[in-house]
């Protein structure tokens, strides 16, 4: 198994000239307006098969210009979110029902979150052995602007779960065709979600209580 983590921060005036050495400098010269985290991992399944899920999350700061916020806590929560999304795909393949929260956990201090998620990209590559030294490796990537659900950890969880389910449906359909079993007749778009299943925010530890929420509205 292998795993990779990447982070990238960005600030206002990235390409601006450096301040003159005699100009007054603020206490913290870097004003981060947002950052991104990418996490990908390859799971070797044996028999020349593998699974490679990946996620990239871009966040923006909502604090006023010049205001300080706990960047360490923000990055740690986002890194944990990325790892949990990838880990959930491994558990899905193993048929393990452990519920995993896919959204962003609330800040450690319980206050208003200084960041919000703007865009998410999820990818899934699944190599299947066809025998006779042949294999197929379908891969799909979906991008989504999730600002409309960034205020609600529960809604963010459901949005990500729907995106992952769509990737799985596409990959498994291609593998079935390559194996000679024909199409799976699965729905290849985003699964529908029932409004009544939009759950409340998760506990501070970021874990779901009870069975995981499924995109079709059942549990």
N, C-alpha and C. Protein backbone atom coordinates (compact mmCIF):
# COMPACT_ATOMS: atom_id res chain seq x y z
N UNK A 1 0.84 -1.18 0.00
CA UNK A 1 0.00 0.00 0.00
C UNK A 1 0.88 1.25 0.00
N UNK A 2 0.42 2.28 -0.66
CA UNK A 2 1.16 3.52 -0.66
C UNK A 2 0.18 4.67 -0.48
N UNK A 3 0.66 5.75 0.08
CA UNK A 3 -0.20 6.90 0.31
C UNK A 3 0.59 8.18 0.07
N UNK A 4 -0.09 9.20 -0.41
CA UNK A 4 0.54 10.49 -0.67
C UNK A 4 -0.34 11.60 -0.17
N UNK A 5 0.28 12.59 0.46
CA UNK A 5 -0.44 13.75 0.98
C UNK A 5 0.22 15.00 0.42
N UNK A 6 -0.57 15.93 -0.08
CA UNK A 6 -0.04 17.18 -0.59
C UNK A 6 -0.88 18.32 -0.03
N UNK A 7 -0.24 19.40 0.36
CA UNK A 7 -0.95 20.59 0.78
C UNK A 7 -0.40 21.78 0.02
N UNK A 8 -1.28 22.73 -0.23
CA UNK A 8 -0.86 23.93 -0.96
C UNK A 8 -1.63 25.11 -0.40
N UNK A 9 -0.90 26.14 -0.01
CA UNK A 9 -1.53 27.36 0.49
C UNK A 9 -1.41 28.46 -0.53
N UNK A 10 -2.34 29.41 -0.47
CA UNK A 10 -2.24 30.54 -1.36
C UNK A 10 -2.65 31.79 -0.61
N UNK A 11 -2.13 32.92 -1.03
CA UNK A 11 -2.36 34.18 -0.33
C UNK A 11 -2.57 35.29 -1.32
N UNK A 12 -3.07 36.43 -0.83
CA UNK A 12 -3.23 37.59 -1.69
C UNK A 12 -1.86 38.12 -2.09
N UNK A 13 -1.71 38.53 -3.34
CA UNK A 13 -0.48 39.13 -3.78
C UNK A 13 0.66 38.15 -3.89
N UNK A 14 0.37 36.90 -4.28
CA UNK A 14 1.41 35.89 -4.43
C UNK A 14 2.51 36.37 -5.37
N UNK A 15 2.12 37.11 -6.41
CA UNK A 15 3.09 37.53 -7.40
C UNK A 15 3.51 38.99 -7.22
N UNK A 16 3.16 39.56 -6.06
CA UNK A 16 3.54 40.95 -5.80
C UNK A 16 4.99 41.02 -5.40
N UNK A 17 5.57 42.20 -5.57
CA UNK A 17 6.96 42.38 -5.18
C UNK A 17 7.09 42.36 -3.66
N UNK A 18 8.27 41.96 -3.18
CA UNK A 18 8.52 41.92 -1.75
C UNK A 18 8.50 43.34 -1.19
N UNK A 19 8.11 43.45 0.07
CA UNK A 19 8.11 44.76 0.72
C UNK A 19 9.52 45.30 0.81
N UNK A 20 9.61 46.60 0.71
CA UNK A 20 10.92 47.23 0.90
C UNK A 20 11.42 46.94 2.30
N UNK A 21 12.70 46.72 2.45
CA UNK A 21 13.22 46.31 3.75
C UNK A 21 13.02 47.36 4.83
N UNK A 22 12.77 48.59 4.44
CA UNK A 22 12.56 49.64 5.42
C UNK A 22 11.09 49.91 5.69
N UNK A 23 10.22 49.28 4.95
CA UNK A 23 8.80 49.48 5.15
C UNK A 23 8.34 48.77 6.42
N UNK A 24 7.35 49.32 7.11
CA UNK A 24 6.84 48.66 8.33
C UNK A 24 6.23 47.32 7.98
N UNK A 25 6.51 46.34 8.80
CA UNK A 25 6.03 44.98 8.56
C UNK A 25 5.03 44.58 9.64
N UNK A 26 3.96 43.91 9.24
CA UNK A 26 3.00 43.44 10.25
C UNK A 26 3.60 42.29 11.05
N UNK A 27 2.93 41.95 12.15
CA UNK A 27 3.42 40.87 13.00
C UNK A 27 3.46 39.56 12.24
N UNK A 28 2.48 39.32 11.37
CA UNK A 28 2.44 38.11 10.55
C UNK A 28 2.32 38.54 9.09
N UNK A 29 3.41 38.50 8.32
CA UNK A 29 3.37 39.00 6.95
C UNK A 29 2.57 38.14 5.99
N UNK A 30 2.25 36.92 6.36
CA UNK A 30 1.52 36.02 5.46
C UNK A 30 0.04 36.04 5.82
N UNK A 31 -0.79 36.34 4.84
CA UNK A 31 -2.24 36.34 5.02
C UNK A 31 -2.84 35.24 4.16
N UNK A 32 -2.99 34.05 4.70
CA UNK A 32 -3.55 32.94 3.94
C UNK A 32 -5.04 33.15 3.71
N UNK A 33 -5.43 33.06 2.46
CA UNK A 33 -6.84 33.18 2.09
C UNK A 33 -7.48 31.82 1.83
N UNK A 34 -6.67 30.80 1.76
CA UNK A 34 -7.19 29.46 1.53
C UNK A 34 -6.06 28.50 1.28
N UNK A 35 -6.40 27.23 1.19
CA UNK A 35 -5.40 26.20 0.91
C UNK A 35 -6.12 24.96 0.42
N UNK A 36 -5.35 24.00 -0.07
CA UNK A 36 -5.93 22.76 -0.54
C UNK A 36 -5.16 21.57 0.02
N UNK A 37 -5.83 20.45 0.11
CA UNK A 37 -5.22 19.20 0.55
C UNK A 37 -5.56 18.13 -0.48
N UNK A 38 -4.57 17.37 -0.88
CA UNK A 38 -4.78 16.22 -1.76
C UNK A 38 -4.26 14.97 -1.07
N UNK A 39 -5.06 13.93 -1.08
CA UNK A 39 -4.65 12.65 -0.49
C UNK A 39 -5.00 11.53 -1.45
N UNK A 40 -4.01 10.74 -1.81
CA UNK A 40 -4.28 9.57 -2.66
C UNK A 40 -3.57 8.36 -2.07
N UNK A 41 -4.15 7.22 -2.27
CA UNK A 41 -3.58 5.99 -1.73
C UNK A 41 -3.87 4.83 -2.66
N UNK A 42 -2.87 3.98 -2.83
CA UNK A 42 -3.03 2.79 -3.66
C UNK A 42 -3.06 1.56 -2.77
N UNK A 43 -4.13 0.79 -2.89
CA UNK A 43 -4.30 -0.45 -2.12
C UNK A 43 -4.06 -1.63 -3.06
N UNK A 44 -3.04 -2.41 -2.79
CA UNK A 44 -2.78 -3.62 -3.56
C UNK A 44 -3.71 -4.74 -3.05
N UNK A 45 -4.52 -5.27 -3.94
CA UNK A 45 -5.54 -6.25 -3.56
C UNK A 45 -5.08 -7.68 -3.77
N UNK A 46 -3.90 -7.88 -4.35
CA UNK A 46 -3.47 -9.23 -4.70
C UNK A 46 -4.00 -9.63 -6.05
N UNK A 47 -3.46 -10.70 -6.62
CA UNK A 47 -3.90 -11.20 -7.91
C UNK A 47 -3.81 -10.12 -8.99
N UNK A 48 -2.81 -9.24 -8.87
CA UNK A 48 -2.57 -8.17 -9.85
C UNK A 48 -3.74 -7.18 -9.93
N UNK A 49 -4.43 -6.99 -8.82
CA UNK A 49 -5.51 -6.02 -8.77
C UNK A 49 -5.19 -4.94 -7.73
N UNK A 50 -5.74 -3.75 -7.95
CA UNK A 50 -5.48 -2.65 -7.03
C UNK A 50 -6.61 -1.64 -7.07
N UNK A 51 -6.68 -0.85 -6.01
CA UNK A 51 -7.67 0.22 -5.89
C UNK A 51 -6.94 1.51 -5.54
N UNK A 52 -7.24 2.60 -6.24
CA UNK A 52 -6.54 3.86 -6.01
C UNK A 52 -7.54 5.01 -5.91
N UNK A 53 -8.09 5.27 -4.72
CA UNK A 53 -8.96 6.43 -4.54
C UNK A 53 -8.13 7.67 -4.21
N UNK A 54 -8.66 8.84 -4.55
CA UNK A 54 -7.97 10.10 -4.26
C UNK A 54 -9.00 11.21 -4.09
N UNK A 55 -8.61 12.22 -3.31
CA UNK A 55 -9.49 13.37 -3.11
C UNK A 55 -8.65 14.62 -2.98
N UNK A 56 -9.14 15.72 -3.54
CA UNK A 56 -8.54 17.04 -3.36
C UNK A 56 -9.63 17.98 -2.88
N UNK A 57 -9.33 18.73 -1.83
CA UNK A 57 -10.31 19.64 -1.24
C UNK A 57 -9.70 21.05 -1.19
N UNK A 58 -10.40 22.02 -1.76
CA UNK A 58 -9.99 23.41 -1.70
C UNK A 58 -10.86 24.14 -0.69
N UNK A 59 -10.25 24.89 0.20
CA UNK A 59 -11.00 25.66 1.19
C UNK A 59 -10.64 27.13 1.10
N UNK A 60 -11.56 27.97 1.54
CA UNK A 60 -11.34 29.41 1.60
C UNK A 60 -11.55 29.88 3.04
N UNK A 61 -10.87 30.96 3.39
CA UNK A 61 -11.03 31.54 4.72
C UNK A 61 -12.21 32.50 4.73
N UNK A 62 -12.98 32.50 5.82
CA UNK A 62 -14.10 33.40 5.94
C UNK A 62 -13.85 34.51 6.97
N UNK A 63 -12.63 34.57 7.51
CA UNK A 63 -12.32 35.56 8.54
C UNK A 63 -12.04 36.91 7.88
N UNK A 64 -12.25 38.02 8.60
CA UNK A 64 -11.97 39.35 8.04
C UNK A 64 -10.50 39.52 7.69
N UNK A 65 -10.23 40.45 6.82
CA UNK A 65 -8.86 40.74 6.39
C UNK A 65 -7.97 41.03 7.60
N UNK A 66 -6.87 40.32 7.68
CA UNK A 66 -5.91 40.54 8.76
C UNK A 66 -6.21 39.81 10.05
N UNK A 67 -7.38 39.17 10.14
CA UNK A 67 -7.73 38.47 11.38
C UNK A 67 -7.01 37.13 11.46
N UNK A 68 -6.60 36.77 12.65
CA UNK A 68 -5.90 35.51 12.85
C UNK A 68 -6.90 34.38 13.08
N UNK A 69 -6.52 33.17 12.68
CA UNK A 69 -7.34 32.00 12.97
C UNK A 69 -6.42 30.80 13.16
N UNK A 70 -6.96 29.74 13.71
CA UNK A 70 -6.16 28.57 14.04
C UNK A 70 -5.91 27.75 12.78
N UNK A 71 -4.85 28.08 12.07
CA UNK A 71 -4.54 27.39 10.82
C UNK A 71 -4.18 25.93 11.08
N UNK A 72 -3.51 25.67 12.19
CA UNK A 72 -3.14 24.28 12.53
C UNK A 72 -4.38 23.40 12.64
N UNK A 73 -5.38 23.86 13.39
CA UNK A 73 -6.60 23.08 13.56
C UNK A 73 -7.32 22.91 12.23
N UNK A 74 -7.36 23.95 11.41
CA UNK A 74 -8.04 23.87 10.12
C UNK A 74 -7.39 22.84 9.21
N UNK A 75 -6.07 22.88 9.14
CA UNK A 75 -5.38 21.93 8.28
C UNK A 75 -5.49 20.50 8.81
N UNK A 76 -5.43 20.34 10.12
CA UNK A 76 -5.53 19.00 10.69
C UNK A 76 -6.90 18.40 10.41
N UNK A 77 -7.96 19.20 10.54
CA UNK A 77 -9.30 18.70 10.27
C UNK A 77 -9.48 18.35 8.80
N UNK A 78 -8.90 19.17 7.92
CA UNK A 78 -9.03 18.90 6.50
C UNK A 78 -8.24 17.66 6.10
N UNK A 79 -7.04 17.50 6.69
CA UNK A 79 -6.24 16.31 6.40
C UNK A 79 -6.97 15.04 6.87
N UNK A 80 -7.60 15.12 8.04
CA UNK A 80 -8.35 13.97 8.54
C UNK A 80 -9.54 13.66 7.64
N UNK A 81 -10.21 14.69 7.16
CA UNK A 81 -11.33 14.50 6.25
C UNK A 81 -10.87 13.78 4.98
N UNK A 82 -9.73 14.21 4.42
CA UNK A 82 -9.23 13.59 3.19
C UNK A 82 -8.89 12.12 3.42
N UNK A 83 -8.22 11.82 4.53
CA UNK A 83 -7.87 10.42 4.83
C UNK A 83 -9.11 9.56 5.01
N UNK A 84 -10.11 10.09 5.69
CA UNK A 84 -11.31 9.30 5.95
C UNK A 84 -12.08 9.01 4.67
N UNK A 85 -12.10 9.97 3.74
CA UNK A 85 -12.77 9.72 2.46
C UNK A 85 -12.11 8.59 1.70
N UNK A 86 -10.78 8.58 1.67
CA UNK A 86 -10.06 7.52 0.96
C UNK A 86 -10.22 6.18 1.69
N UNK A 87 -10.10 6.21 3.00
CA UNK A 87 -10.24 4.98 3.79
C UNK A 87 -11.63 4.36 3.62
N UNK A 88 -12.65 5.20 3.50
CA UNK A 88 -14.01 4.70 3.34
C UNK A 88 -14.16 3.88 2.06
N UNK A 89 -13.41 4.22 1.02
CA UNK A 89 -13.52 3.46 -0.24
C UNK A 89 -12.89 2.08 -0.09
N UNK A 90 -11.81 2.00 0.68
CA UNK A 90 -11.19 0.69 0.96
C UNK A 90 -12.15 -0.19 1.74
N UNK A 91 -12.80 0.39 2.76
CA UNK A 91 -13.76 -0.38 3.55
C UNK A 91 -14.97 -0.79 2.71
N UNK A 92 -15.38 0.07 1.80
CA UNK A 92 -16.50 -0.27 0.92
C UNK A 92 -16.17 -1.49 0.08
N UNK A 93 -14.96 -1.54 -0.44
CA UNK A 93 -14.54 -2.68 -1.26
C UNK A 93 -14.47 -3.95 -0.42
N UNK A 94 -14.08 -3.81 0.84
CA UNK A 94 -13.97 -4.97 1.73
C UNK A 94 -15.32 -5.43 2.27
N UNK A 95 -16.36 -4.65 2.02
CA UNK A 95 -17.68 -5.01 2.52
C UNK A 95 -17.84 -4.79 4.01
N UNK A 96 -17.01 -3.90 4.57
CA UNK A 96 -17.09 -3.61 6.01
C UNK A 96 -18.06 -2.45 6.24
N UNK A 97 -19.01 -2.62 7.13
CA UNK A 97 -20.07 -1.62 7.31
C UNK A 97 -19.71 -0.47 8.25
N UNK A 98 -18.45 -0.34 8.64
CA UNK A 98 -18.08 0.71 9.59
C UNK A 98 -18.47 2.08 9.06
N UNK A 99 -19.31 2.83 9.81
CA UNK A 99 -19.71 4.16 9.33
C UNK A 99 -18.57 5.16 9.47
N UNK A 100 -18.31 5.92 8.43
CA UNK A 100 -17.26 6.93 8.45
C UNK A 100 -17.84 8.25 8.00
N UNK A 101 -17.56 9.29 8.76
CA UNK A 101 -18.03 10.63 8.42
C UNK A 101 -17.13 11.22 7.36
N UNK A 102 -17.71 11.65 6.23
CA UNK A 102 -16.93 12.13 5.09
C UNK A 102 -16.81 13.65 5.04
N UNK A 103 -17.56 14.35 5.88
CA UNK A 103 -17.53 15.80 5.86
C UNK A 103 -16.41 16.37 6.71
N UNK A 104 -16.47 17.67 6.95
CA UNK A 104 -15.45 18.37 7.72
C UNK A 104 -15.92 18.52 9.15
N UNK A 105 -15.13 18.02 10.10
CA UNK A 105 -15.49 18.10 11.51
C UNK A 105 -15.47 19.55 11.99
N UNK A 106 -16.26 19.89 12.99
CA UNK A 106 -16.27 21.26 13.53
C UNK A 106 -14.93 21.61 14.17
N UNK A 107 -14.64 22.89 14.36
CA UNK A 107 -13.40 23.30 15.02
C UNK A 107 -13.27 22.72 16.41
N UNK A 108 -12.05 22.55 16.86
CA UNK A 108 -11.79 21.96 18.17
C UNK A 108 -12.37 22.81 19.30
N UNK A 109 -12.40 24.15 19.13
CA UNK A 109 -12.90 25.01 20.20
C UNK A 109 -14.41 25.15 20.20
N UNK A 110 -15.07 24.52 19.22
CA UNK A 110 -16.52 24.57 19.18
C UNK A 110 -17.10 25.86 18.64
N UNK A 111 -16.24 26.81 18.22
CA UNK A 111 -16.73 28.08 17.71
C UNK A 111 -17.07 28.02 16.24
N UNK A 112 -17.30 29.20 15.65
CA UNK A 112 -17.63 29.27 14.22
C UNK A 112 -16.42 28.87 13.40
N UNK A 113 -16.65 28.11 12.35
CA UNK A 113 -15.56 27.63 11.52
C UNK A 113 -14.97 28.78 10.70
N UNK A 114 -13.65 29.02 10.79
CA UNK A 114 -13.03 30.11 10.03
C UNK A 114 -12.81 29.77 8.55
N UNK A 115 -13.08 28.54 8.15
CA UNK A 115 -12.89 28.14 6.76
C UNK A 115 -14.17 27.48 6.23
N UNK A 116 -14.29 27.43 4.92
CA UNK A 116 -15.39 26.69 4.31
C UNK A 116 -14.87 26.00 3.06
N UNK A 117 -15.45 24.87 2.73
CA UNK A 117 -15.03 24.11 1.56
C UNK A 117 -15.68 24.68 0.32
N UNK A 118 -14.85 24.93 -0.68
CA UNK A 118 -15.35 25.50 -1.92
C UNK A 118 -15.50 24.44 -3.02
N UNK A 119 -14.43 23.71 -3.29
CA UNK A 119 -14.45 22.74 -4.38
C UNK A 119 -13.82 21.43 -3.92
N UNK A 120 -14.38 20.33 -4.41
CA UNK A 120 -13.86 19.00 -4.09
C UNK A 120 -13.73 18.20 -5.38
N UNK A 121 -12.64 17.47 -5.50
CA UNK A 121 -12.43 16.54 -6.60
C UNK A 121 -12.20 15.15 -6.02
N UNK A 122 -12.94 14.17 -6.50
CA UNK A 122 -12.75 12.79 -6.06
C UNK A 122 -12.45 11.92 -7.28
N UNK A 123 -11.51 10.99 -7.11
CA UNK A 123 -11.10 10.10 -8.19
C UNK A 123 -11.08 8.66 -7.71
N UNK A 124 -11.37 7.74 -8.62
CA UNK A 124 -11.35 6.32 -8.30
C UNK A 124 -10.81 5.55 -9.49
N UNK A 125 -9.73 4.79 -9.27
CA UNK A 125 -9.14 3.92 -10.28
C UNK A 125 -9.12 2.50 -9.72
N UNK A 126 -9.67 1.56 -10.48
CA UNK A 126 -9.83 0.19 -10.00
C UNK A 126 -9.29 -0.76 -11.06
N UNK A 127 -8.17 -1.41 -10.76
CA UNK A 127 -7.59 -2.38 -11.70
C UNK A 127 -8.12 -3.77 -11.39
N UNK A 128 -8.71 -4.41 -12.41
CA UNK A 128 -9.24 -5.76 -12.26
C UNK A 128 -8.51 -6.72 -13.20
N UNK A 129 -8.17 -7.88 -12.70
CA UNK A 129 -7.47 -8.89 -13.49
C UNK A 129 -8.49 -9.68 -14.31
N UNK A 130 -8.30 -9.70 -15.62
CA UNK A 130 -9.21 -10.41 -16.52
C UNK A 130 -8.72 -11.82 -16.86
N UNK A 131 -7.52 -12.17 -16.39
CA UNK A 131 -6.95 -13.46 -16.73
C UNK A 131 -6.18 -13.39 -18.03
N UNK A 132 -5.39 -14.44 -18.30
CA UNK A 132 -4.60 -14.50 -19.54
C UNK A 132 -3.73 -13.26 -19.70
N UNK A 133 -3.17 -12.78 -18.59
CA UNK A 133 -2.27 -11.63 -18.58
C UNK A 133 -2.94 -10.36 -19.09
N UNK A 134 -4.22 -10.26 -18.90
CA UNK A 134 -4.95 -9.06 -19.30
C UNK A 134 -5.61 -8.43 -18.08
N UNK A 135 -5.76 -7.13 -18.13
CA UNK A 135 -6.41 -6.43 -17.03
C UNK A 135 -7.10 -5.19 -17.58
N UNK A 136 -8.00 -4.61 -16.80
CA UNK A 136 -8.67 -3.38 -17.15
C UNK A 136 -8.62 -2.47 -15.92
N UNK A 137 -8.41 -1.17 -16.17
CA UNK A 137 -8.32 -0.23 -15.06
C UNK A 137 -9.12 1.03 -15.38
N UNK A 138 -10.43 0.98 -15.20
CA UNK A 138 -11.23 2.19 -15.41
C UNK A 138 -10.95 3.21 -14.31
N UNK A 139 -10.98 4.46 -14.65
CA UNK A 139 -10.77 5.52 -13.68
C UNK A 139 -11.67 6.70 -13.98
N UNK A 140 -12.25 7.26 -12.95
CA UNK A 140 -13.18 8.38 -13.12
C UNK A 140 -12.87 9.45 -12.08
N UNK A 141 -13.08 10.70 -12.47
CA UNK A 141 -12.88 11.84 -11.59
C UNK A 141 -14.08 12.77 -11.70
N UNK A 142 -14.62 13.19 -10.57
CA UNK A 142 -15.71 14.16 -10.53
C UNK A 142 -15.26 15.39 -9.76
N UNK A 143 -15.63 16.56 -10.27
CA UNK A 143 -15.37 17.83 -9.60
C UNK A 143 -16.71 18.44 -9.22
N UNK A 144 -16.76 19.10 -8.07
CA UNK A 144 -18.01 19.73 -7.67
C UNK A 144 -17.73 20.97 -6.82
N UNK A 145 -18.51 22.02 -7.05
CA UNK A 145 -18.50 23.20 -6.20
C UNK A 145 -19.49 22.94 -5.07
N UNK A 146 -18.99 22.82 -3.85
CA UNK A 146 -19.83 22.43 -2.72
C UNK A 146 -20.06 23.57 -1.73
N UNK A 147 -19.91 24.81 -2.20
CA UNK A 147 -20.12 25.94 -1.30
C UNK A 147 -21.54 25.97 -0.73
N UNK A 148 -22.49 25.46 -1.50
CA UNK A 148 -23.88 25.52 -1.07
C UNK A 148 -24.17 24.59 0.10
N UNK A 149 -23.30 23.61 0.37
CA UNK A 149 -23.51 22.72 1.51
C UNK A 149 -22.38 22.85 2.53
N UNK A 150 -21.46 23.79 2.32
CA UNK A 150 -20.31 23.92 3.21
C UNK A 150 -20.71 24.31 4.63
N UNK A 151 -21.88 24.93 4.79
CA UNK A 151 -22.32 25.36 6.12
C UNK A 151 -22.82 24.20 6.96
N UNK A 152 -23.07 23.06 6.34
CA UNK A 152 -23.67 21.92 7.04
C UNK A 152 -22.80 20.67 6.89
N UNK A 153 -22.12 20.23 7.96
CA UNK A 153 -21.30 19.01 7.86
C UNK A 153 -22.10 17.80 7.38
N UNK A 154 -23.36 17.70 7.82
CA UNK A 154 -24.18 16.57 7.40
C UNK A 154 -24.48 16.57 5.92
N UNK A 155 -24.82 17.74 5.39
CA UNK A 155 -25.10 17.85 3.95
C UNK A 155 -23.83 17.62 3.14
N UNK A 156 -22.69 18.08 3.64
CA UNK A 156 -21.43 17.86 2.95
C UNK A 156 -21.11 16.37 2.89
N UNK A 157 -21.36 15.66 3.99
CA UNK A 157 -21.16 14.21 4.02
C UNK A 157 -21.99 13.53 2.94
N UNK A 158 -23.26 13.89 2.83
CA UNK A 158 -24.15 13.27 1.85
C UNK A 158 -23.70 13.59 0.42
N UNK A 159 -23.28 14.84 0.19
CA UNK A 159 -22.82 15.22 -1.15
C UNK A 159 -21.60 14.40 -1.57
N UNK A 160 -20.65 14.20 -0.66
CA UNK A 160 -19.47 13.41 -0.98
C UNK A 160 -19.81 11.94 -1.16
N UNK A 161 -20.71 11.43 -0.34
CA UNK A 161 -21.12 10.03 -0.48
C UNK A 161 -21.75 9.78 -1.84
N UNK A 162 -22.55 10.73 -2.32
CA UNK A 162 -23.17 10.60 -3.65
C UNK A 162 -22.12 10.60 -4.74
N UNK A 163 -21.11 11.47 -4.61
CA UNK A 163 -20.05 11.53 -5.61
C UNK A 163 -19.28 10.21 -5.67
N UNK A 164 -18.94 9.66 -4.50
CA UNK A 164 -18.22 8.38 -4.48
C UNK A 164 -19.06 7.25 -5.07
N UNK A 165 -20.35 7.22 -4.75
CA UNK A 165 -21.21 6.17 -5.29
C UNK A 165 -21.27 6.24 -6.81
N UNK A 166 -21.26 7.46 -7.35
CA UNK A 166 -21.28 7.60 -8.81
C UNK A 166 -20.00 7.04 -9.42
N UNK A 167 -18.84 7.32 -8.81
CA UNK A 167 -17.58 6.78 -9.32
C UNK A 167 -17.58 5.26 -9.28
N UNK A 168 -18.05 4.70 -8.18
CA UNK A 168 -18.08 3.24 -8.06
C UNK A 168 -18.97 2.61 -9.13
N UNK A 169 -20.14 3.21 -9.36
CA UNK A 169 -21.06 2.66 -10.36
C UNK A 169 -20.42 2.65 -11.74
N UNK A 170 -19.70 3.72 -12.07
CA UNK A 170 -19.04 3.79 -13.38
C UNK A 170 -17.91 2.76 -13.51
N UNK A 171 -17.07 2.66 -12.48
CA UNK A 171 -15.96 1.71 -12.53
C UNK A 171 -16.44 0.27 -12.61
N UNK A 172 -17.41 -0.09 -11.77
CA UNK A 172 -17.89 -1.46 -11.75
C UNK A 172 -18.61 -1.83 -13.05
N UNK A 173 -19.26 -0.85 -13.67
CA UNK A 173 -19.92 -1.12 -14.96
C UNK A 173 -18.87 -1.44 -16.03
N UNK A 174 -17.78 -0.68 -16.07
CA UNK A 174 -16.72 -0.94 -17.05
C UNK A 174 -16.06 -2.30 -16.82
N UNK A 175 -15.84 -2.64 -15.55
CA UNK A 175 -15.22 -3.93 -15.24
C UNK A 175 -16.14 -5.08 -15.65
N UNK A 176 -17.44 -4.93 -15.40
CA UNK A 176 -18.39 -5.97 -15.78
C UNK A 176 -18.41 -6.17 -17.30
N UNK A 177 -18.34 -5.10 -18.04
CA UNK A 177 -18.32 -5.20 -19.49
C UNK A 177 -17.05 -5.90 -19.96
N UNK A 178 -15.90 -5.52 -19.34
CA UNK A 178 -14.63 -6.11 -19.74
C UNK A 178 -14.57 -7.60 -19.41
N UNK A 179 -15.26 -8.01 -18.36
CA UNK A 179 -15.28 -9.42 -17.97
C UNK A 179 -16.27 -10.23 -18.79
N UNK A 180 -17.00 -9.58 -19.69
CA UNK A 180 -17.95 -10.28 -20.53
C UNK A 180 -19.31 -10.49 -19.91
N UNK A 181 -19.58 -9.79 -18.81
CA UNK A 181 -20.88 -9.94 -18.14
C UNK A 181 -21.90 -8.91 -18.61
N UNK A 182 -21.49 -8.01 -19.47
CA UNK A 182 -22.41 -6.98 -19.93
C UNK A 182 -22.53 -5.84 -18.95
N UNK A 183 -23.38 -4.89 -19.28
CA UNK A 183 -23.58 -3.72 -18.43
C UNK A 183 -24.26 -4.10 -17.12
N UNK A 184 -23.98 -3.34 -16.08
CA UNK A 184 -24.59 -3.60 -14.78
C UNK A 184 -25.98 -2.98 -14.68
N UNK A 185 -26.29 -2.09 -15.63
CA UNK A 185 -27.56 -1.34 -15.61
C UNK A 185 -27.68 -0.45 -14.38
N UNK A 186 -26.55 -0.14 -13.78
CA UNK A 186 -26.55 0.75 -12.62
C UNK A 186 -26.72 2.19 -13.08
N UNK A 187 -27.19 3.05 -12.20
CA UNK A 187 -27.32 4.47 -12.50
C UNK A 187 -25.95 5.10 -12.38
N UNK A 188 -25.46 5.72 -13.46
CA UNK A 188 -24.09 6.20 -13.51
C UNK A 188 -23.95 7.67 -13.11
N UNK A 189 -25.07 8.35 -12.88
CA UNK A 189 -25.00 9.74 -12.44
C UNK A 189 -25.00 9.85 -10.93
N UNK A 190 -25.30 11.03 -10.41
CA UNK A 190 -25.35 11.23 -8.97
C UNK A 190 -26.64 10.62 -8.42
N UNK A 191 -26.57 9.74 -7.44
CA UNK A 191 -27.78 9.15 -6.87
C UNK A 191 -28.65 10.23 -6.23
N UNK A 192 -29.96 10.06 -6.28
CA UNK A 192 -30.86 11.04 -5.64
C UNK A 192 -30.73 10.98 -4.13
N UNK A 193 -31.15 12.02 -3.46
CA UNK A 193 -31.11 12.06 -2.01
C UNK A 193 -32.43 12.64 -1.52
N UNK A 194 -32.97 12.04 -0.48
CA UNK A 194 -34.21 12.51 0.11
C UNK A 194 -33.93 13.67 1.06
N UNK A 195 -34.76 14.72 0.99
CA UNK A 195 -34.53 15.90 1.82
C UNK A 195 -34.56 15.54 3.30
N UNK A 196 -35.43 14.61 3.70
CA UNK A 196 -35.55 14.27 5.11
C UNK A 196 -34.31 13.57 5.65
N UNK A 197 -33.40 13.16 4.77
CA UNK A 197 -32.18 12.48 5.23
C UNK A 197 -31.01 13.44 5.44
N UNK A 198 -31.26 14.75 5.28
CA UNK A 198 -30.21 15.72 5.56
C UNK A 198 -30.05 15.80 7.07
N UNK A 199 -29.00 15.18 7.59
CA UNK A 199 -28.85 15.02 9.03
C UNK A 199 -28.25 16.24 9.68
N UNK A 200 -28.32 16.25 11.02
CA UNK A 200 -27.72 17.33 11.79
C UNK A 200 -26.21 17.18 11.79
N UNK A 201 -25.53 18.20 12.34
CA UNK A 201 -24.07 18.17 12.39
C UNK A 201 -23.59 17.01 13.24
N UNK A 202 -22.45 16.42 12.91
CA UNK A 202 -21.92 15.28 13.65
C UNK A 202 -21.34 15.72 14.99
N UNK A 203 -21.06 14.78 15.88
CA UNK A 203 -20.40 15.13 17.13
C UNK A 203 -19.01 15.67 16.88
N UNK A 204 -18.41 16.36 17.88
CA UNK A 204 -17.09 16.98 17.68
C UNK A 204 -16.02 16.03 17.20
N UNK A 205 -16.11 14.74 17.53
CA UNK A 205 -15.06 13.80 17.11
C UNK A 205 -15.19 13.42 15.64
N UNK A 206 -16.25 13.92 14.99
CA UNK A 206 -16.37 13.70 13.55
C UNK A 206 -16.90 12.33 13.17
N UNK A 207 -17.33 11.51 14.13
CA UNK A 207 -17.83 10.18 13.82
C UNK A 207 -19.34 10.17 13.76
N UNK A 208 -19.87 9.44 12.82
CA UNK A 208 -21.31 9.27 12.73
C UNK A 208 -21.80 8.35 13.83
N UNK A 209 -23.00 8.61 14.30
CA UNK A 209 -23.62 7.73 15.27
C UNK A 209 -24.68 6.91 14.56
N UNK A 210 -24.57 5.59 14.66
CA UNK A 210 -25.52 4.74 13.97
C UNK A 210 -25.05 4.39 12.58
N UNK A 211 -25.91 3.77 11.76
CA UNK A 211 -25.51 3.31 10.42
C UNK A 211 -25.25 4.48 9.50
N UNK A 212 -24.46 4.29 8.45
CA UNK A 212 -24.16 5.38 7.52
C UNK A 212 -25.38 5.76 6.70
N UNK A 213 -25.44 7.02 6.30
CA UNK A 213 -26.53 7.51 5.46
C UNK A 213 -26.26 7.11 4.03
N UNK A 214 -27.24 6.52 3.37
CA UNK A 214 -27.09 6.12 1.98
C UNK A 214 -27.79 7.15 1.09
N UNK A 215 -27.30 7.26 -0.14
CA UNK A 215 -27.76 8.33 -1.02
C UNK A 215 -29.21 8.16 -1.46
N UNK A 216 -29.76 6.96 -1.36
CA UNK A 216 -31.14 6.76 -1.81
C UNK A 216 -32.16 7.05 -0.71
N UNK A 217 -31.65 7.52 0.45
CA UNK A 217 -32.56 7.89 1.52
C UNK A 217 -32.78 6.78 2.52
N UNK A 218 -32.22 5.58 2.32
CA UNK A 218 -32.39 4.49 3.28
C UNK A 218 -31.17 4.38 4.16
N UNK A 219 -31.27 3.56 5.21
CA UNK A 219 -30.15 3.36 6.12
C UNK A 219 -29.76 1.88 6.14
